[in-house]
Amino acid sequence: MEKLQAVFIDRDGTIGGTGHFIHPREFTPYSFTEEALKLLKERDIKTFACTNQHRISKGEARVEDFLDEFMSFGFDDAFICPHGSSEGCECRKPSPGLLRKAAEKHVLDLSKTAFIGDVGSTDMLAAHAVGAKKILVLTGWGEGSLTQYRKTWDDIEPDYIAENLLDAVNWLLQQEIHPI
């Protein structure tokens, strides 16, 4: 694998939380999240939060609340879809709009990026659409994505199934050293 330019990371169920909406004021990252992000920083790999947050469109939180949260965790940037599923936007995962916006803003070749997330039918499909590496974590909705919801994305295979974000990052970094 060529040098990774960036890693996109989903929020709910991947960096913390339960997979359900938790306002940024109450959100707590998993104990291993800080270490995972630090490992990527040490390798000069950009980290971008990439999340659907339809509660913004309902007035339950603001984009700025999420941006502040992601910057406090050490992300380089954040790409957030504030729309509901019925709004027909181009940015809501599984649409790759957020990834394309990031590529334009940060001059990325999306085939040299990876996406780590817990939902096959959104995170893995968005990553697949742009040729990014796909890593499904088993935290959050991960287990359900592989079992009861597998039919919603059954023609796509993740490149790796990780126990959690730290396992995913370690696997990615190992691919750079010893490509398979």
Protein backbone atom coordinates (compact mmCIF):
# COMPACT_ATOMS: atom_id res chain seq x y z
CA MET A 1 0.00 0.00 0.00
CA GLU A 2 1.29 3.44 -0.87
CA LYS A 3 1.67 6.03 1.87
CA LEU A 4 -1.68 6.85 3.39
CA GLN A 5 -2.59 10.49 2.88
CA ALA A 6 -5.49 10.56 5.32
CA VAL A 7 -7.83 8.48 7.45
CA PHE A 8 -11.53 9.29 7.71
CA ILE A 9 -13.07 8.25 11.01
CA ASP A 10 -16.75 8.02 11.87
CA ARG A 11 -17.89 9.44 15.22
CA ASP A 12 -20.73 7.56 16.94
CA GLY A 13 -19.73 3.99 17.73
CA THR A 14 -16.22 4.39 16.28
CA ILE A 15 -14.41 7.05 18.33
CA GLY A 16 -16.81 6.78 21.26
CA GLY A 17 -20.40 6.67 22.33
CA THR A 18 -22.90 3.93 21.66
CA GLY A 19 -23.71 4.35 17.99
CA HIS A 20 -26.61 6.62 18.93
CA PHE A 21 -26.61 10.42 19.03
CA ILE A 22 -24.92 11.95 22.06
CA HIS A 23 -24.57 15.73 22.17
CA PRO A 24 -20.90 16.82 21.97
CA ARG A 25 -21.11 18.19 25.54
CA GLU A 26 -21.87 14.68 26.85
CA PHE A 27 -19.85 12.63 24.34
CA THR A 28 -16.91 10.63 25.67
CA PRO A 29 -14.34 9.01 23.39
CA TYR A 30 -13.32 5.42 24.04
CA SER A 31 -10.22 4.94 26.20
CA PHE A 32 -8.12 3.93 23.15
CA THR A 33 -9.19 6.78 20.83
CA GLU A 34 -6.50 9.24 21.90
CA GLU A 35 -3.74 6.66 21.36
CA ALA A 36 -5.12 5.70 17.93
CA LEU A 37 -5.18 9.32 16.77
CA LYS A 38 -1.70 9.91 18.19
CA LEU A 39 -0.29 6.96 16.22
CA LEU A 40 -1.60 8.47 12.98
CA LYS A 41 -0.22 11.91 13.87
CA GLU A 42 3.22 10.41 14.55
CA ARG A 43 3.21 9.08 10.97
CA ASP A 44 2.07 12.45 9.54
CA ILE A 45 -1.22 10.96 8.38
CA LYS A 46 -4.10 13.45 8.35
CA THR A 47 -7.17 12.53 10.38
CA PHE A 48 -10.64 13.67 9.39
CA ALA A 49 -13.87 13.09 11.28
CA CYS A 50 -16.62 12.11 8.86
CA THR A 51 -20.11 11.85 10.29
CA ASN A 52 -23.83 12.06 9.59
CA GLN A 53 -25.49 14.21 12.27
CA HIS A 54 -29.13 14.75 11.30
CA ARG A 55 -29.91 16.10 14.78
CA ILE A 56 -28.32 19.36 13.61
CA SER A 57 -31.20 19.82 11.16
CA LYS A 58 -33.60 19.26 14.08
CA GLY A 59 -31.93 22.01 16.10
CA GLU A 60 -30.64 19.62 18.80
CA ALA A 61 -26.99 20.55 18.19
CA ARG A 62 -24.94 22.89 16.00
CA VAL A 63 -22.24 22.15 13.45
CA GLU A 64 -19.92 24.28 15.61
CA ASP A 65 -20.55 21.96 18.60
CA PHE A 66 -19.22 19.04 16.58
CA LEU A 67 -16.34 20.99 15.03
CA ASP A 68 -15.19 22.11 18.49
CA GLU A 69 -15.43 18.52 19.73
CA PHE A 70 -13.40 17.09 16.84
CA MET A 71 -10.72 19.75 17.08
CA SER A 72 -10.41 19.09 20.84
CA PHE A 73 -9.76 15.41 20.03
CA GLY A 74 -6.94 16.43 17.65
CA PHE A 75 -8.56 15.86 14.26
CA ASP A 76 -7.13 17.87 11.37
CA ASP A 77 -10.58 18.65 10.02
CA ALA A 78 -14.17 17.43 10.21
CA PHE A 79 -16.77 16.78 7.55
CA ILE A 80 -20.31 16.71 8.85
CA CYS A 81 -23.61 16.08 7.11
CA PRO A 82 -26.32 17.95 9.05
CA HIS A 83 -29.21 16.68 6.90
CA GLY A 84 -31.92 14.12 7.54
CA SER A 85 -32.14 11.00 5.37
CA SER A 86 -35.12 12.34 3.41
CA GLU A 87 -33.45 15.63 2.43
CA GLY A 88 -31.70 14.20 -0.63
CA CYS A 89 -28.33 15.85 -0.07
CA GLU A 90 -25.06 14.77 -1.65
CA CYS A 91 -23.16 14.71 1.64
CA ARG A 92 -25.03 12.12 3.71
CA LYS A 93 -23.20 8.80 3.86
CA PRO A 94 -23.41 6.42 2.01
CA SER A 95 -23.05 9.16 -0.59
CA PRO A 96 -19.34 9.99 -0.91
CA GLY A 97 -19.97 13.76 -0.94
CA LEU A 98 -18.15 14.42 2.35
CA LEU A 99 -15.12 12.45 1.15
CA ARG A 100 -15.03 14.33 -2.15
CA LYS A 101 -15.31 17.65 -0.31
CA ALA A 102 -12.34 16.65 1.86
CA ALA A 103 -10.35 15.58 -1.20
CA GLU A 104 -10.94 18.92 -2.86
CA LYS A 105 -10.15 20.95 0.26
CA HIS A 106 -7.02 18.98 1.22
CA VAL A 107 -5.85 17.86 -2.26
CA LEU A 108 -6.22 14.15 -1.59
CA ASP A 109 -6.14 11.11 -3.83
CA LEU A 110 -9.00 9.19 -2.19
CA SER A 111 -7.52 5.87 -3.30
CA LYS A 112 -4.69 6.65 -0.86
CA THR A 113 -7.03 7.09 2.09
CA ALA A 114 -8.86 4.81 4.50
CA PHE A 115 -12.22 4.98 6.21
CA ILE A 116 -12.77 3.53 9.68
CA GLY A 117 -16.38 3.17 10.75
CA ASP A 118 -18.91 0.91 12.42
CA VAL A 119 -21.73 0.96 9.84
CA GLY A 120 -21.43 -1.07 6.68
CA SER A 121 -24.40 0.49 4.92
CA THR A 122 -23.02 4.04 5.27
CA ASP A 123 -19.31 4.13 6.15
CA MET A 124 -18.19 1.14 4.05
CA LEU A 125 -20.34 2.11 1.05
CA ALA A 126 -19.03 5.69 1.04
CA ALA A 127 -15.44 4.43 1.24
CA HIS A 128 -16.05 1.89 -1.52
CA ALA A 129 -17.51 4.56 -3.82
CA VAL A 130 -14.20 6.46 -3.84
CA GLY A 131 -11.76 3.53 -3.68
CA ALA A 132 -10.65 4.12 -0.07
CA LYS A 133 -9.56 1.27 2.21
CA LYS A 134 -12.54 0.07 4.23
CA ILE A 135 -12.14 -0.88 7.88
CA LEU A 136 -15.19 -1.91 9.88
CA VAL A 137 -14.87 -1.73 13.66
CA LEU A 138 -16.91 -4.04 15.89
CA THR A 139 -17.73 -1.28 18.38
CA GLY A 140 -20.99 0.66 18.06
CA TRP A 141 -23.11 -0.88 15.27
CA GLY A 142 -20.20 -2.97 13.95
CA GLU A 143 -21.42 -6.39 15.09
CA GLY A 144 -24.91 -5.71 13.73
CA SER A 145 -23.44 -4.48 10.44
CA LEU A 146 -21.86 -7.90 9.97
CA THR A 147 -24.95 -9.88 10.99
CA GLN A 148 -28.52 -8.57 10.91
CA TYR A 149 -27.74 -5.61 8.59
CA ARG A 150 -25.22 -7.35 6.31
CA LYS A 151 -27.78 -7.59 3.48
CA THR A 152 -27.77 -3.77 3.17
CA TRP A 153 -24.16 -3.83 1.95
CA ASP A 154 -23.57 -7.48 1.04
CA ASP A 155 -21.78 -6.84 -2.26
CA ILE A 156 -18.95 -4.96 -0.48
CA GLU A 157 -16.22 -6.56 1.62
CA PRO A 158 -14.27 -4.57 4.20
CA ASP A 159 -10.51 -4.69 3.80
CA TYR A 160 -10.25 -5.43 7.51
CA ILE A 161 -12.60 -6.08 10.42
CA ALA A 162 -11.13 -4.54 13.57
CA GLU A 163 -12.01 -4.98 17.21
CA ASN A 164 -11.91 -1.21 17.66
CA LEU A 165 -10.33 2.02 16.40
CA LEU A 166 -6.90 1.26 17.85
CA ASP A 167 -6.84 -2.20 16.22
CA ALA A 168 -7.89 -0.56 12.93
CA VAL A 169 -5.11 2.03 13.10
CA ASN A 170 -2.49 -0.57 14.02
CA TRP A 171 -3.57 -2.70 11.05
CA LEU A 172 -3.40 0.29 8.69
CA LEU A 173 0.06 1.25 9.87
CA GLN A 174 1.24 -2.35 9.52
CA GLN A 175 0.02 -2.33 5.88
CA GLU A 176 2.29 0.61 5.16
CA ILE A 177 5.32 -1.23 6.56
CA HIS A 178 4.49 -4.71 5.22
CA PRO A 179 1.98 -4.47 2.36
CA ILE A 180 -0.07 -7.61 1.79
